[in-house]
């Protein structure tokens, strides 16, 4: 496992590629195998989707039709889904090509720069977007975690506390300023304000997309507004 490897959000070949050692290690039951010293904080079952955020718009780039098993640890969150096929929005595949039956991915806690909460509506469940900054572009990859409001709220608090504790315990990752350390310390024990839509996570490291196509791929039918994206599952 390469600890500085960027997470998968966009390109489909980053899902459990045989020659890519950056994915989560799973056991026979397709559950996460913790690393030495890694503590499991929680397990969830919910839907996930991948987005690409711009300054005023968001694009839904992929979605999994079946729920995933999500494991949250003190170092990362990792998800796996069996029997699902990756649905790429607006993508065309060659006839006869089969997508993998096992889909997995992870986000290590050095990457997220903020959490964006989208409340449930009559037409769509609640979701929280785990947003990362990216090198050489203002666009930001985001992983959406989608489910019932109580579950998503619990998961959001679990993530922000785990991210804050991870960064405070590893000053070698990034040079935190005193205000950033204070902000992270507050995240470990202070509950978010009611209806707080955004939680900033100081000390994040930017990710880098896997290929040039992830930066410059033409966008057409996969363009969504924030309100439309919040209703997409």
Protein backbone atom coordinates (compact mmCIF):
# COMPACT_ATOMS: atom_id res chain seq x y z
CA UNK A 1 0.00 0.00 0.00
CA UNK A 2 1.39 3.40 -1.00
CA UNK A 3 0.42 5.88 1.70
CA UNK A 4 0.89 8.89 -0.61
CA UNK A 5 -1.18 7.44 -3.44
CA UNK A 6 -4.10 9.54 -4.61
CA UNK A 7 -7.62 8.17 -4.15
CA UNK A 8 -9.77 6.94 -6.98
CA UNK A 9 -12.65 9.20 -7.94
CA UNK A 10 -12.88 9.47 -11.72
CA UNK A 11 -11.14 7.00 -14.03
CA UNK A 12 -12.78 3.53 -14.07
CA UNK A 13 -9.49 1.64 -14.32
CA UNK A 14 -8.62 2.69 -10.76
CA UNK A 15 -11.13 0.17 -9.40
CA UNK A 16 -9.14 -2.80 -8.08
CA UNK A 17 -6.71 -2.73 -10.99
CA UNK A 18 -4.53 -5.83 -10.85
CA UNK A 19 -1.34 -3.84 -11.42
CA UNK A 20 -2.29 -1.03 -9.02
CA UNK A 21 -1.23 -1.51 -5.41
CA UNK A 22 -3.10 1.53 -4.10
CA UNK A 23 -6.51 -0.06 -3.47
CA UNK A 24 -7.75 -1.41 -0.12
CA UNK A 25 -6.79 -4.96 0.78
CA UNK A 26 -9.90 -7.14 1.21
CA UNK A 27 -10.36 -10.59 2.70
CA UNK A 28 -12.39 -13.49 1.25
CA UNK A 29 -15.62 -11.93 2.49
CA UNK A 30 -14.59 -8.67 0.79
CA UNK A 31 -14.14 -6.90 4.10
CA UNK A 32 -11.28 -4.49 4.72
CA UNK A 33 -8.10 -6.03 6.15
CA UNK A 34 -6.73 -3.43 8.61
CA UNK A 35 -3.08 -2.49 8.49
CA UNK A 36 -0.81 -3.01 11.49
CA UNK A 37 -2.07 -0.82 14.30
CA UNK A 38 -5.13 0.38 12.37
CA UNK A 39 -8.35 0.65 14.42
CA UNK A 40 -11.82 0.10 12.94
CA UNK A 41 -14.18 2.86 14.13
CA UNK A 42 -17.39 1.86 12.38
CA UNK A 43 -19.05 -0.09 9.61
CA UNK A 44 -21.89 1.19 7.44
CA UNK A 45 -23.95 0.10 4.46
CA UNK A 46 -25.05 2.84 2.08
CA UNK A 47 -24.79 4.13 -1.50
CA UNK A 48 -21.81 5.97 -3.00
CA UNK A 49 -21.26 8.15 -6.06
CA UNK A 50 -18.37 10.13 -7.51
CA UNK A 51 -18.64 13.83 -8.33
CA UNK A 52 -16.39 16.48 -9.80
CA UNK A 53 -17.05 19.93 -8.34
CA UNK A 54 -16.44 23.23 -10.08
CA UNK A 55 -16.70 26.78 -8.68
CA UNK A 56 -20.48 26.89 -9.23
CA UNK A 57 -21.41 23.48 -10.69
CA UNK A 58 -20.97 19.80 -10.05
CA UNK A 59 -20.74 16.83 -12.42
CA UNK A 60 -21.88 13.35 -11.46
CA UNK A 61 -19.18 11.11 -12.96
CA UNK A 62 -20.09 7.65 -11.67
CA UNK A 63 -22.56 5.89 -9.40
CA UNK A 64 -22.94 2.41 -7.97
CA UNK A 65 -26.47 0.97 -8.19
CA UNK A 66 -26.11 -1.27 -5.14
CA UNK A 67 -25.14 -0.29 -1.58
CA UNK A 68 -21.53 -0.72 -0.49
CA UNK A 69 -20.02 -1.94 2.77
CA UNK A 70 -18.13 1.09 4.13
CA UNK A 71 -15.50 0.70 6.84
CA UNK A 72 -14.26 3.75 8.74
CA UNK A 73 -10.91 3.48 10.55
CA UNK A 74 -8.55 5.88 12.27
CA UNK A 75 -6.59 6.14 8.97
CA UNK A 76 -9.12 6.02 6.13
CA UNK A 77 -12.50 4.95 4.89
CA UNK A 78 -12.75 2.05 2.46
CA UNK A 79 -15.74 0.64 0.61
CA UNK A 80 -16.47 -2.53 -1.33
CA UNK A 81 -19.48 -3.81 -3.24
CA UNK A 82 -19.99 -7.20 -4.83
CA UNK A 83 -22.32 -7.87 -7.73
CA UNK A 84 -22.33 -4.20 -8.75
CA UNK A 85 -21.23 -2.64 -11.99
CA UNK A 86 -19.76 0.83 -12.18
CA UNK A 87 -22.13 3.16 -14.00
CA UNK A 88 -20.25 5.96 -15.79
CA UNK A 89 -22.44 8.93 -16.58
CA UNK A 90 -22.36 9.74 -20.29
CA UNK A 91 -19.73 7.05 -20.98
CA UNK A 92 -19.72 4.57 -23.86
CA UNK A 93 -18.12 1.13 -23.59
CA UNK A 94 -17.09 -1.26 -26.26
CA UNK A 95 -19.58 -4.03 -26.96
CA UNK A 96 -18.89 -7.15 -24.98
CA UNK A 97 -16.71 -5.38 -22.40
CA UNK A 98 -17.58 -6.40 -18.83
CA UNK A 99 -16.97 -4.22 -15.81
CA UNK A 100 -15.61 -5.90 -12.68
CA UNK A 101 -18.12 -7.56 -10.33
CA UNK A 102 -16.13 -6.39 -7.29
CA UNK A 103 -15.84 -2.64 -6.85
CA UNK A 104 -13.81 -1.00 -4.10
CA UNK A 105 -12.08 2.24 -3.22
CA UNK A 106 -10.76 4.25 -0.31
CA UNK A 107 -9.98 7.75 0.91
CA UNK A 108 -7.13 8.23 3.35
CA UNK A 109 -7.49 10.97 5.94
CA UNK A 110 -4.67 13.17 4.60
CA UNK A 111 -6.78 14.11 1.55
CA UNK A 112 -10.26 15.50 2.43
CA UNK A 113 -10.38 19.30 2.55
CA UNK A 114 -14.01 19.63 3.65
CA UNK A 115 -17.33 17.87 4.15
CA UNK A 116 -20.47 19.11 2.38
CA UNK A 117 -23.81 17.97 3.85
CA UNK A 118 -26.93 17.84 1.68
CA UNK A 119 -30.15 17.26 3.67
CA UNK A 120 -32.77 14.75 2.62
CA UNK A 121 -35.75 15.87 0.54
CA UNK A 122 -38.98 14.20 -0.48
CA UNK A 123 -37.25 12.90 -3.62
CA UNK A 124 -33.74 12.10 -2.38
CA UNK A 125 -32.00 10.75 0.73
CA UNK A 126 -29.41 12.67 2.72
CA UNK A 127 -25.79 12.71 1.63
CA UNK A 128 -22.41 13.97 2.68
CA UNK A 129 -19.72 14.81 0.11
CA UNK A 130 -16.12 14.12 1.08
CA UNK A 131 -14.34 16.78 -1.00
CA UNK A 132 -10.64 16.89 -1.89
CA UNK A 133 -8.51 19.59 -3.50
CA UNK A 134 -6.65 18.62 -6.69
CA UNK A 135 -3.34 19.66 -8.24
CA UNK A 136 -3.30 21.80 -11.41
CA UNK A 137 -7.06 22.39 -11.49
CA UNK A 138 -9.77 24.26 -9.59
CA UNK A 139 -12.07 21.26 -9.96
CA UNK A 140 -12.44 19.10 -6.88
CA UNK A 141 -13.20 15.35 -6.77
CA UNK A 142 -15.79 14.37 -4.19
CA UNK A 143 -17.12 11.05 -2.92
CA UNK A 144 -20.82 11.18 -1.99
CA UNK A 145 -22.06 8.94 0.83
CA UNK A 146 -25.83 8.53 0.54
CA UNK A 147 -28.34 7.12 3.03
CA UNK A 148 -30.90 7.87 5.76
CA UNK A 149 -30.35 11.15 7.62
CA UNK A 150 -29.41 9.61 11.02
CA UNK A 151 -26.84 7.33 9.39
CA UNK A 152 -25.32 10.09 7.25
CA UNK A 153 -25.15 12.47 10.23
CA UNK A 154 -23.42 9.84 12.34
CA UNK A 155 -20.99 9.05 9.54
CA UNK A 156 -20.19 12.73 8.94
CA UNK A 157 -19.29 13.23 12.61
CA UNK A 158 -17.25 10.03 12.61
CA UNK A 159 -15.26 11.19 9.57
CA UNK A 160 -14.52 14.72 10.81
CA UNK A 161 -13.33 13.44 14.19
CA UNK A 162 -11.18 10.73 12.59
CA UNK A 163 -9.63 13.19 10.12
CA UNK A 164 -8.85 15.71 12.87
CA UNK A 165 -7.31 13.11 15.19
CA UNK A 166 -5.27 11.62 12.33
CA UNK A 167 -3.74 14.98 11.35
CA UNK A 168 -3.06 16.13 14.91
CA UNK A 169 -1.19 12.88 15.58
CA UNK A 170 0.96 13.22 12.43
CA UNK A 171 2.59 16.67 12.31
CA UNK A 172 5.09 15.34 9.75
CA UNK A 173 2.36 15.20 7.07
CA UNK A 174 1.85 18.95 6.88
CA UNK A 175 3.08 22.05 8.72
CA UNK A 176 -0.04 23.12 10.61
CA UNK A 177 -0.35 26.67 11.83
CA UNK A 178 -1.54 27.25 15.43
CA UNK A 179 -5.04 28.31 14.25
CA UNK A 180 -5.27 25.14 12.11
CA UNK A 181 -4.29 22.96 15.06
CA UNK A 182 -6.89 24.70 17.21
CA UNK A 183 -9.55 24.17 14.54
CA UNK A 184 -8.71 20.47 14.27
CA UNK A 185 -8.76 20.11 18.06
CA UNK A 186 -12.27 21.56 18.15
CA UNK A 187 -13.42 19.08 15.50
CA UNK A 188 -12.45 16.15 17.71
CA UNK A 189 -14.96 16.99 20.45
CA UNK A 190 -17.30 19.84 19.46
CA UNK A 191 -20.51 18.74 17.72
CA UNK A 192 -21.37 20.56 14.47
CA UNK A 193 -23.93 23.34 14.59
CA UNK A 194 -27.49 22.40 13.58
CA UNK A 195 -27.95 22.64 9.80
CA UNK A 196 -24.21 23.19 9.31
CA UNK A 197 -23.73 22.46 5.61
CA UNK A 198 -19.92 22.71 5.41
CA UNK A 199 -17.10 21.54 7.68
CA UNK A 200 -13.59 22.67 6.71
CA UNK A 201 -10.80 20.18 7.45
CA UNK A 202 -7.48 22.10 7.83
CA UNK A 203 -4.20 20.52 6.81
CA UNK A 204 -5.40 18.56 3.77
CA UNK A 205 -3.04 17.37 1.03
CA UNK A 206 -4.13 17.76 -2.63
CA UNK A 207 -4.75 14.73 -4.81
CA UNK A 208 -3.61 14.20 -8.38
CA UNK A 209 -5.83 12.61 -11.01
CA UNK A 210 -4.67 9.38 -12.60
CA UNK A 211 -4.54 10.62 -16.20
CA UNK A 212 -4.90 13.72 -18.36
CA UNK A 213 -8.35 12.53 -19.42
CA UNK A 214 -9.60 13.09 -15.88
CA UNK A 215 -8.71 16.79 -16.22
CA UNK A 216 -9.70 17.43 -19.82
CA UNK A 217 -12.41 14.91 -20.68
CA UNK A 218 -15.26 16.74 -22.50
CA UNK A 219 -18.35 17.26 -20.39
CA UNK A 220 -21.83 17.02 -21.84
CA UNK A 221 -24.72 14.98 -20.46
CA UNK A 222 -23.15 14.49 -17.05
CA UNK A 223 -23.46 18.16 -16.10
CA UNK A 224 -25.66 18.69 -13.05
CA UNK A 225 -26.50 21.58 -10.78
CA UNK A 226 -25.99 21.12 -7.03
CA UNK A 227 -29.74 20.70 -6.51
CA UNK A 228 -30.01 18.12 -9.30
CA UNK A 229 -26.98 16.22 -8.05
CA UNK A 230 -28.43 16.01 -4.56
CA UNK A 231 -31.41 14.13 -5.96
CA UNK A 232 -29.38 11.67 -8.03
CA UNK A 233 -28.76 8.20 -6.66
